[in-house]
Amino acid sequence: DFLMSGGQERDLKRLAGWFSDVMLERYGASAADVR
């Protein structure tokens, strides 16, 4: 929802507490095609 609403990946990474870009890929993959 954050990414679909126009949120930036770096902001999501910070809010979610992730240190690795791998987590962005993992969490973003579930609906990447929709976005």
PDB file of all heavy atoms in Angstrom:
ATOM      1  N   ASP A   1       0.823  -1.214   0.000  1.00  0.00           N
ATOM      2  CA  ASP A   1       0.000   0.000   0.000  1.00  0.00           C
ATOM      3  C   ASP A   1       0.855   1.261   0.000  1.00  0.00           C
ATOM      4  O   ASP A   1       0.526   2.241  -0.677  1.00  0.00           O
ATOM      5  CB  ASP A   1      -0.935   0.020   1.212  1.00  0.00           C
ATOM      6  CG  ASP A   1      -2.070  -0.978   1.096  1.00  0.00           C
ATOM      7  OD1 ASP A   1      -2.287  -1.523  -0.004  1.00  0.00           O
ATOM      8  OD2 ASP A   1      -2.742  -1.215   2.112  1.00  0.00           O
ATOM      9  N   PHE A   2       1.950   1.244   0.753  1.00  0.00           N
ATOM     10  CA  PHE A   2       2.845   2.407   0.810  1.00  0.00           C
ATOM     11  C   PHE A   2       3.399   2.713  -0.581  1.00  0.00           C
ATOM     12  O   PHE A   2       3.362   3.855  -1.037  1.00  0.00           O
ATOM     13  CB  PHE A   2       3.994   2.129   1.798  1.00  0.00           C
ATOM     14  CG  PHE A   2       4.897   3.301   2.019  1.00  0.00           C
ATOM     15  CD1 PHE A   2       4.592   4.261   2.963  1.00  0.00           C
ATOM     16  CD2 PHE A   2       6.067   3.436   1.287  1.00  0.00           C
ATOM     17  CE1 PHE A   2       5.427   5.351   3.165  1.00  0.00           C
ATOM     18  CE2 PHE A   2       6.910   4.515   1.484  1.00  0.00           C
ATOM     19  CZ  PHE A   2       6.591   5.477   2.436  1.00  0.00           C
ATOM     20  N   LEU A   3       3.884   1.679  -1.262  1.00  0.00           N
ATOM     21  CA  LEU A   3       4.446   1.884  -2.596  1.00  0.00           C
ATOM     22  C   LEU A   3       3.364   2.230  -3.616  1.00  0.00           C
ATOM     23  O   LEU A   3       3.573   3.082  -4.484  1.00  0.00           O
ATOM     24  CB  LEU A   3       5.232   0.651  -3.033  1.00  0.00           C
ATOM     25  CG  LEU A   3       6.487   0.362  -2.207  1.00  0.00           C
ATOM     26  CD1 LEU A   3       7.079  -0.990  -2.579  1.00  0.00           C
ATOM     27  CD2 LEU A   3       7.519   1.473  -2.346  1.00  0.00           C
ATOM     28  N   MET A   4       2.187   1.603  -3.516  1.00  0.00           N
ATOM     29  CA  MET A   4       1.083   1.908  -4.434  1.00  0.00           C
ATOM     30  C   MET A   4       0.599   3.344  -4.287  1.00  0.00           C
ATOM     31  O   MET A   4       0.121   3.948  -5.240  1.00  0.00           O
ATOM     32  CB  MET A   4      -0.105   0.963  -4.193  1.00  0.00           C
ATOM     33  CG  MET A   4       0.044  -0.404  -4.808  1.00  0.00           C
ATOM     34  SD  MET A   4       0.154  -0.409  -6.599  1.00  0.00           S
ATOM     35  CE  MET A   4      -1.501   0.099  -7.054  1.00  0.00           C
ATOM     36  N   SER A   5       0.739   3.886  -3.084  1.00  0.00           N
ATOM     37  CA  SER A   5       0.290   5.261  -2.827  1.00  0.00           C
ATOM     38  C   SER A   5       1.336   6.285  -3.219  1.00  0.00           C
ATOM     39  O   SER A   5       1.143   7.478  -3.007  1.00  0.00           O
ATOM     40  CB  SER A   5      -0.057   5.423  -1.346  1.00  0.00           C
ATOM     41  OG  SER A   5      -1.127   4.576  -1.012  1.00  0.00           O
ATOM     42  N   GLY A   6       2.442   5.834  -3.780  1.00  0.00           N
ATOM     43  CA  GLY A   6       3.472   6.756  -4.235  1.00  0.00           C
ATOM     44  C   GLY A   6       4.630   6.933  -3.265  1.00  0.00           C
ATOM     45  O   GLY A   6       5.499   7.765  -3.480  1.00  0.00           O
ATOM     46  N   GLY A   7       4.649   6.148  -2.193  1.00  0.00           N
ATOM     47  CA  GLY A   7       5.755   6.224  -1.247  1.00  0.00           C
ATOM     48  C   GLY A   7       7.055   5.780  -1.890  1.00  0.00           C
ATOM     49  O   GLY A   7       7.066   4.952  -2.806  1.00  0.00           O
ATOM     50  N   GLN A   8       8.155   6.333  -1.428  1.00  0.00           N
ATOM     51  CA  GLN A   8       9.463   6.016  -1.974  1.00  0.00           C
ATOM     52  C   GLN A   8      10.055   4.787  -1.282  1.00  0.00           C
ATOM     53  O   GLN A   8       9.862   4.591  -0.079  1.00  0.00           O
ATOM     54  CB  GLN A   8      10.407   7.211  -1.798  1.00  0.00           C
ATOM     55  CG  GLN A   8       9.923   8.465  -2.499  1.00  0.00           C
ATOM     56  CD  GLN A   8       9.831   8.265  -4.003  1.00  0.00           C
ATOM     57  OE1 GLN A   8      10.789   7.838  -4.633  1.00  0.00           O
ATOM     58  NE2 GLN A   8       8.669   8.556  -4.568  1.00  0.00           N
ATOM     59  N   GLU A   9      10.789   3.995  -2.039  1.00  0.00           N
ATOM     60  CA  GLU A   9      11.371   2.771  -1.492  1.00  0.00           C
ATOM     61  C   GLU A   9      12.297   3.045  -0.310  1.00  0.00           C
ATOM     62  O   GLU A   9      12.301   2.299   0.657  1.00  0.00           O
ATOM     63  CB  GLU A   9      12.118   2.009  -2.588  1.00  0.00           C
ATOM     64  CG  GLU A   9      11.183   1.369  -3.585  1.00  0.00           C
ATOM     65  CD  GLU A   9      11.911   0.559  -4.638  1.00  0.00           C
ATOM     66  OE1 GLU A   9      13.153   0.712  -4.783  1.00  0.00           O
ATOM     67  OE2 GLU A   9      11.249  -0.240  -5.319  1.00  0.00           O
ATOM     68  N   ARG A  10      13.089   4.106  -0.387  1.00  0.00           N
ATOM     69  CA  ARG A  10      14.017   4.426   0.713  1.00  0.00           C
ATOM     70  C   ARG A  10      13.239   4.780   1.989  1.00  0.00           C
ATOM     71  O   ARG A  10      13.645   4.418   3.088  1.00  0.00           O
ATOM     72  CB  ARG A  10      14.963   5.566   0.341  1.00  0.00           C
ATOM     73  CG  ARG A  10      15.919   5.212  -0.749  1.00  0.00           C
ATOM     74  CD  ARG A  10      16.919   4.185  -0.253  1.00  0.00           C
ATOM     75  NE  ARG A  10      17.590   3.581  -1.385  1.00  0.00           N
ATOM     76  CZ  ARG A  10      18.104   2.372  -1.377  1.00  0.00           C
ATOM     77  NH1 ARG A  10      18.046   1.630  -0.305  1.00  0.00           N
ATOM     78  NH2 ARG A  10      18.679   1.881  -2.440  1.00  0.00           N
ATOM     79  N   ASP A  11      12.121   5.458   1.839  1.00  0.00           N
ATOM     80  CA  ASP A  11      11.294   5.779   3.009  1.00  0.00           C
ATOM     81  C   ASP A  11      10.689   4.508   3.599  1.00  0.00           C
ATOM     82  O   ASP A  11      10.659   4.337   4.816  1.00  0.00           O
ATOM     83  CB  ASP A  11      10.180   6.763   2.639  1.00  0.00           C
ATOM     84  CG  ASP A  11      10.716   8.125   2.245  1.00  0.00           C
ATOM     85  OD1 ASP A  11      11.829   8.485   2.690  1.00  0.00           O
ATOM     86  OD2 ASP A  11      10.020   8.838   1.495  1.00  0.00           O
ATOM     87  N   LEU A  12      10.225   3.618   2.727  1.00  0.00           N
ATOM     88  CA  LEU A  12       9.669   2.346   3.196  1.00  0.00           C
ATOM     89  C   LEU A  12      10.731   1.549   3.946  1.00  0.00           C
ATOM     90  O   LEU A  12      10.468   0.996   5.011  1.00  0.00           O
ATOM     91  CB  LEU A  12       9.132   1.529   2.022  1.00  0.00           C
ATOM     92  CG  LEU A  12       8.658   0.113   2.351  1.00  0.00           C
ATOM     93  CD1 LEU A  12       7.534   0.134   3.379  1.00  0.00           C
ATOM     94  CD2 LEU A  12       8.221  -0.605   1.078  1.00  0.00           C
ATOM     95  N   LYS A  13      11.916   1.520   3.382  1.00  0.00           N
ATOM     96  CA  LYS A  13      13.018   0.790   4.018  1.00  0.00           C
ATOM     97  C   LYS A  13      13.262   1.317   5.424  1.00  0.00           C
ATOM     98  O   LYS A  13      13.416   0.554   6.383  1.00  0.00           O
ATOM     99  CB  LYS A  13      14.274   0.926   3.158  1.00  0.00           C
ATOM    100  CG  LYS A  13      15.455   0.135   3.628  1.00  0.00           C
ATOM    101  CD  LYS A  13      16.601   0.303   2.632  1.00  0.00           C
ATOM    102  CE  LYS A  13      17.885  -0.229   3.204  1.00  0.00           C
ATOM    103  NZ  LYS A  13      19.013  -0.017   2.292  1.00  0.00           N
ATOM    104  N   ARG A  14      13.251   2.622   5.558  1.00  0.00           N
ATOM    105  CA  ARG A  14      13.480   3.245   6.865  1.00  0.00           C
ATOM    106  C   ARG A  14      12.329   2.943   7.836  1.00  0.00           C
ATOM    107  O   ARG A  14      12.541   2.585   8.984  1.00  0.00           O
ATOM    108  CB  ARG A  14      13.626   4.755   6.662  1.00  0.00           C
ATOM    109  CG  ARG A  14      13.871   5.533   7.879  1.00  0.00           C
ATOM    110  CD  ARG A  14      15.310   5.555   8.192  1.00  0.00           C
ATOM    111  NE  ARG A  14      15.555   6.443   9.319  1.00  0.00           N
ATOM    112  CZ  ARG A  14      16.689   6.497   9.917  1.00  0.00           C
ATOM    113  NH1 ARG A  14      17.693   5.766   9.500  1.00  0.00           N
ATOM    114  NH2 ARG A  14      16.857   7.294  10.929  1.00  0.00           N
ATOM    115  N   LEU A  15      11.101   3.112   7.368  1.00  0.00           N
ATOM    116  CA  LEU A  15       9.932   2.879   8.221  1.00  0.00           C
ATOM    117  C   LEU A  15       9.831   1.424   8.666  1.00  0.00           C
ATOM    118  O   LEU A  15       9.403   1.146   9.787  1.00  0.00           O
ATOM    119  CB  LEU A  15       8.653   3.286   7.483  1.00  0.00           C
ATOM    120  CG  LEU A  15       8.456   4.776   7.271  1.00  0.00           C
ATOM    121  CD1 LEU A  15       7.306   5.024   6.313  1.00  0.00           C
ATOM    122  CD2 LEU A  15       8.245   5.491   8.592  1.00  0.00           C
ATOM    123  N   ALA A  16      10.201   0.511   7.786  1.00  0.00           N
ATOM    124  CA  ALA A  16      10.092  -0.909   8.105  1.00  0.00           C
ATOM    125  C   ALA A  16      11.272  -1.405   8.936  1.00  0.00           C
ATOM    126  O   ALA A  16      11.229  -2.519   9.456  1.00  0.00           O
ATOM    127  CB  ALA A  16       9.976  -1.721   6.816  1.00  0.00           C
ATOM    128  N   GLY A  17      12.316  -0.591   9.047  1.00  0.00           N
ATOM    129  CA  GLY A  17      13.461  -0.996   9.843  1.00  0.00           C
ATOM    130  C   GLY A  17      14.392  -1.958   9.131  1.00  0.00           C
ATOM    131  O   GLY A  17      15.091  -2.741   9.769  1.00  0.00           O
ATOM    132  N   TRP A  18      14.397  -1.903   7.806  1.00  0.00           N
ATOM    133  CA  TRP A  18      15.255  -2.792   7.034  1.00  0.00           C
ATOM    134  C   TRP A  18      16.592  -2.133   6.779  1.00  0.00           C
ATOM    135  O   TRP A  18      16.672  -0.942   6.505  1.00  0.00           O
ATOM    136  CB  TRP A  18      14.614  -3.137   5.693  1.00  0.00           C
ATOM    137  CG  TRP A  18      13.284  -3.797   5.801  1.00  0.00           C
ATOM    138  CD1 TRP A  18      12.871  -4.660   6.771  1.00  0.00           C
ATOM    139  CD2 TRP A  18      12.175  -3.645   4.922  1.00  0.00           C
ATOM    140  NE1 TRP A  18      11.590  -5.061   6.545  1.00  0.00           N
ATOM    141  CE2 TRP A  18      11.131  -4.456   5.408  1.00  0.00           C
ATOM    142  CE3 TRP A  18      11.964  -2.916   3.761  1.00  0.00           C
ATOM    143  CZ2 TRP A  18       9.912  -4.558   4.786  1.00  0.00           C
ATOM    144  CZ3 TRP A  18      10.755  -3.014   3.128  1.00  0.00           C
ATOM    145  CH2 TRP A  18       9.732  -3.828   3.638  1.00  0.00           C
ATOM    146  N   PHE A  19      17.646  -2.936   6.814  1.00  0.00           N
ATOM    147  CA  PHE A  19      18.982  -2.429   6.521  1.00  0.00           C
ATOM    148  C   PHE A  19      19.443  -2.841   5.135  1.00  0.00           C
ATOM    149  O   PHE A  19      20.352  -2.263   4.579  1.00  0.00           O
ATOM    150  CB  PHE A  19      19.991  -2.932   7.570  1.00  0.00           C
ATOM    151  CG  PHE A  19      19.685  -2.419   8.946  1.00  0.00           C
ATOM    152  CD1 PHE A  19      19.182  -3.269   9.916  1.00  0.00           C
ATOM    153  CD2 PHE A  19      19.862  -1.088   9.264  1.00  0.00           C
ATOM    154  CE1 PHE A  19      18.881  -2.799  11.185  1.00  0.00           C
ATOM    155  CE2 PHE A  19      19.566  -0.603  10.526  1.00  0.00           C
ATOM    156  CZ  PHE A  19      19.078  -1.460  11.483  1.00  0.00           C
ATOM    157  N   SER A  20      18.793  -3.835   4.585  1.00  0.00           N
ATOM    158  CA  SER A  20      19.211  -4.400   3.308  1.00  0.00           C
ATOM    159  C   SER A  20      18.178  -4.122   2.224  1.00  0.00           C
ATOM    160  O   SER A  20      16.971  -4.201   2.467  1.00  0.00           O
ATOM    161  CB  SER A  20      19.392  -5.912   3.470  1.00  0.00           C
ATOM    162  OG  SER A  20      19.509  -6.531   2.217  1.00  0.00           O
ATOM    163  N   ASP A  21      18.669  -3.835   1.013  1.00  0.00           N
ATOM    164  CA  ASP A  21      17.763  -3.669  -0.125  1.00  0.00           C
ATOM    165  C   ASP A  21      17.087  -4.989  -0.499  1.00  0.00           C
ATOM    166  O   ASP A  21      16.061  -4.998  -1.165  1.00  0.00           O
ATOM    167  CB  ASP A  21      18.520  -3.125  -1.339  1.00  0.00           C
ATOM    168  CG  ASP A  21      18.876  -1.655  -1.197  1.00  0.00           C
ATOM    169  OD1 ASP A  21      18.313  -0.990  -0.314  1.00  0.00           O
ATOM    170  OD2 ASP A  21      19.720  -1.178  -1.979  1.00  0.00           O
ATOM    171  N   VAL A  22      17.661  -6.092  -0.059  1.00  0.00           N
ATOM    172  CA  VAL A  22      17.066  -7.404  -0.322  1.00  0.00           C
ATOM    173  C   VAL A  22      15.650  -7.458   0.246  1.00  0.00           C
ATOM    174  O   VAL A  22      14.743  -8.043  -0.354  1.00  0.00           O
ATOM    175  CB  VAL A  22      17.944  -8.536   0.266  1.00  0.00           C
ATOM    176  CG1 VAL A  22      17.248  -9.885   0.181  1.00  0.00           C
ATOM    177  CG2 VAL A  22      19.285  -8.566  -0.441  1.00  0.00           C
ATOM    178  N   MET A  23      15.450  -6.826   1.405  1.00  0.00           N
ATOM    179  CA  MET A  23      14.125  -6.837   2.016  1.00  0.00           C
ATOM    180  C   MET A  23      13.128  -6.047   1.169  1.00  0.00           C
ATOM    181  O   MET A  23      11.962  -6.433   1.064  1.00  0.00           O
ATOM    182  CB  MET A  23      14.176  -6.274   3.439  1.00  0.00           C
ATOM    183  CG  MET A  23      15.026  -7.112   4.376  1.00  0.00           C
ATOM    184  SD  MET A  23      14.580  -8.858   4.379  1.00  0.00           S
ATOM    185  CE  MET A  23      13.015  -8.794   5.198  1.00  0.00           C
ATOM    186  N   LEU A  24      13.570  -4.967   0.550  1.00  0.00           N
ATOM    187  CA  LEU A  24      12.690  -4.224  -0.366  1.00  0.00           C
ATOM    188  C   LEU A  24      12.241  -5.135  -1.503  1.00  0.00           C
ATOM    189  O   LEU A  24      11.069  -5.136  -1.877  1.00  0.00           O
ATOM    190  CB  LEU A  24      13.419  -3.012  -0.949  1.00  0.00           C
ATOM    191  CG  LEU A  24      13.495  -1.774  -0.090  1.00  0.00           C
ATOM    192  CD1 LEU A  24      14.428  -0.759  -0.717  1.00  0.00           C
ATOM    193  CD2 LEU A  24      12.119  -1.177   0.121  1.00  0.00           C
ATOM    194  N   GLU A  25      13.186  -5.882  -2.046  1.00  0.00           N
ATOM    195  CA  GLU A  25      12.861  -6.798  -3.136  1.00  0.00           C
ATOM    196  C   GLU A  25      11.868  -7.862  -2.673  1.00  0.00           C
ATOM    197  O   GLU A  25      10.898  -8.158  -3.353  1.00  0.00           O
ATOM    198  CB  GLU A  25      14.133  -7.491  -3.630  1.00  0.00           C
ATOM    199  CG  GLU A  25      15.165  -6.548  -4.179  1.00  0.00           C
ATOM    200  CD  GLU A  25      15.065  -6.389  -5.675  1.00  0.00           C
ATOM    201  OE1 GLU A  25      14.502  -7.274  -6.330  1.00  0.00           O
ATOM    202  OE2 GLU A  25      15.541  -5.364  -6.172  1.00  0.00           O
ATOM    203  N   ARG A  26      12.117  -8.421  -1.501  1.00  0.00           N
ATOM    204  CA  ARG A  26      11.274  -9.503  -0.989  1.00  0.00           C
ATOM    205  C   ARG A  26       9.855  -9.020  -0.719  1.00  0.00           C
ATOM    206  O   ARG A  26       8.884  -9.638  -1.127  1.00  0.00           O
ATOM    207  CB  ARG A  26      11.878 -10.073   0.291  1.00  0.00           C
ATOM    208  CG  ARG A  26      11.113 -11.264   0.830  1.00  0.00           C
ATOM    209  CD  ARG A  26      11.819 -11.882   1.997  1.00  0.00           C
ATOM    210  NE  ARG A  26      13.122 -12.378   1.582  1.00  0.00           N
ATOM    211  CZ  ARG A  26      14.133 -12.600   2.402  1.00  0.00           C
ATOM    212  NH1 ARG A  26      14.001 -12.378   3.691  1.00  0.00           N
ATOM    213  NH2 ARG A  26      15.278 -13.065   1.954  1.00  0.00           N
ATOM    214  N   TYR A  27       9.723  -7.888  -0.033  1.00  0.00           N
ATOM    215  CA  TYR A  27       8.404  -7.392   0.314  1.00  0.00           C
ATOM    216  C   TYR A  27       7.708  -6.767  -0.884  1.00  0.00           C
ATOM    217  O   TYR A  27       6.489  -6.802  -0.992  1.00  0.00           O
ATOM    218  CB  TYR A  27       8.483  -6.380   1.462  1.00  0.00           C
ATOM    219  CG  TYR A  27       8.534  -7.028   2.808  1.00  0.00           C
ATOM    220  CD1 TYR A  27       9.713  -7.586   3.290  1.00  0.00           C
ATOM    221  CD2 TYR A  27       7.407  -7.098   3.601  1.00  0.00           C
ATOM    222  CE1 TYR A  27       9.762  -8.192   4.525  1.00  0.00           C
ATOM    223  CE2 TYR A  27       7.448  -7.706   4.847  1.00  0.00           C
ATOM    224  CZ  TYR A  27       8.628  -8.254   5.296  1.00  0.00           C
ATOM    225  OH  TYR A  27       8.667  -8.857   6.516  1.00  0.00           O
ATOM    226  N   GLY A  28       8.463  -6.170  -1.757  1.00  0.00           N
ATOM    227  CA  GLY A  28       7.871  -5.529  -2.920  1.00  0.00           C
ATOM    228  C   GLY A  28       7.453  -6.499  -4.000  1.00  0.00           C
ATOM    229  O   GLY A  28       6.604  -6.199  -4.827  1.00  0.00           O
ATOM    230  N   ALA A  29       8.040  -7.691  -4.006  1.00  0.00           N
ATOM    231  CA  ALA A  29       7.795  -8.648  -5.071  1.00  0.00           C
ATOM    232  C   ALA A  29       6.355  -9.134  -5.119  1.00  0.00           C
ATOM    233  O   ALA A  29       5.833  -9.412  -6.194  1.00  0.00           O
ATOM    234  CB  ALA A  29       8.735  -9.846  -4.923  1.00  0.00           C
ATOM    235  N   SER A  30       5.704  -9.221  -3.962  1.00  0.00           N
ATOM    236  CA  SER A  30       4.365  -9.810  -3.915  1.00  0.00           C
ATOM    237  C   SER A  30       3.364  -9.058  -4.773  1.00  0.00           C
ATOM    238  O   SER A  30       2.401  -9.639  -5.242  1.00  0.00           O
ATOM    239  CB  SER A  30       3.867  -9.901  -2.473  1.00  0.00           C
ATOM    240  OG  SER A  30       3.754  -8.616  -1.913  1.00  0.00           O
ATOM    241  N   ALA A  31       3.566  -7.786  -4.991  1.00  0.00           N
ATOM    242  CA  ALA A  31       2.613  -7.024  -5.800  1.00  0.00           C
ATOM    243  C   ALA A  31       3.329  -6.096  -6.780  1.00  0.00           C
ATOM    244  O   ALA A  31       2.775  -5.087  -7.215  1.00  0.00           O
ATOM    245  CB  ALA A  31       1.680  -6.233  -4.897  1.00  0.00           C
ATOM    246  N   ALA A  32       4.556  -6.449  -7.154  1.00  0.00           N
ATOM    247  CA  ALA A  32       5.331  -5.597  -8.048  1.00  0.00           C
ATOM    248  C   ALA A  32       4.651  -5.418  -9.395  1.00  0.00           C
ATOM    249  O   ALA A  32       4.647  -4.321  -9.959  1.00  0.00           O
ATOM    250  CB  ALA A  32       6.742  -6.170  -8.228  1.00  0.00           C
ATOM    251  N   ASP A  33       4.060  -6.476  -9.943  1.00  0.00           N
ATOM    252  CA  ASP A  33       3.396  -6.376 -11.238  1.00  0.00           C
ATOM    253  C   ASP A  33       2.194  -5.438 -11.178  1.00  0.00           C
ATOM    254  O   ASP A  33       1.960  -4.660 -12.097  1.00  0.00           O
ATOM    255  CB  ASP A  33       2.963  -7.757 -11.735  1.00  0.00           C
ATOM    256  CG  ASP A  33       4.152  -8.644 -12.098  1.00  0.00           C
ATOM    257  OD1 ASP A  33       5.237  -8.102 -12.384  1.00  0.00           O
ATOM    258  OD2 ASP A  33       3.983  -9.874 -12.097  1.00  0.00           O
ATOM    259  N   VAL A  34       1.444  -5.510 -10.085  1.00  0.00           N
ATOM    260  CA  VAL A  34       0.282  -4.630  -9.912  1.00  0.00           C
ATOM    261  C   VAL A  34       0.739  -3.173  -9.874  1.00  0.00           C
ATOM    262  O   VAL A  34       0.142  -2.304 -10.513  1.00  0.00           O
ATOM    263  CB  VAL A  34      -0.488  -4.996  -8.617  1.00  0.00           C
ATOM    264  CG1 VAL A  34      -1.584  -3.986  -8.330  1.00  0.00           C
ATOM    265  CG2 VAL A  34      -1.063  -6.391  -8.727  1.00  0.00           C
ATOM    266  N   ARG A  35       1.817  -2.906  -9.119  1.00  0.00           N
ATOM    267  CA  ARG A  35       2.322  -1.530  -9.024  1.00  0.00           C
ATOM    268  C   ARG A  35       2.880  -1.051 -10.353  1.00  0.00           C
ATOM    269  O   ARG A  35       2.680   0.096 -10.744  1.00  0.00           O
ATOM    270  CB  ARG A  35       3.377  -1.426  -7.926  1.00  0.00           C
ATOM    271  CG  ARG A  35       2.803  -1.519  -6.532  1.00  0.00           C
ATOM    272  CD  ARG A  35       3.804  -1.115  -5.469  1.00  0.00           C
ATOM    273  NE  ARG A  35       5.060  -1.830  -5.565  1.00  0.00           N
ATOM    274  CZ  ARG A  35       5.287  -3.034  -5.018  1.00  0.00           C
ATOM    275  NH1 ARG A  35       4.330  -3.641  -4.337  1.00  0.00           N
ATOM    276  NH2 ARG A  35       6.462  -3.615  -5.143  1.00  0.00           N
TER     277      ARG A  35
END
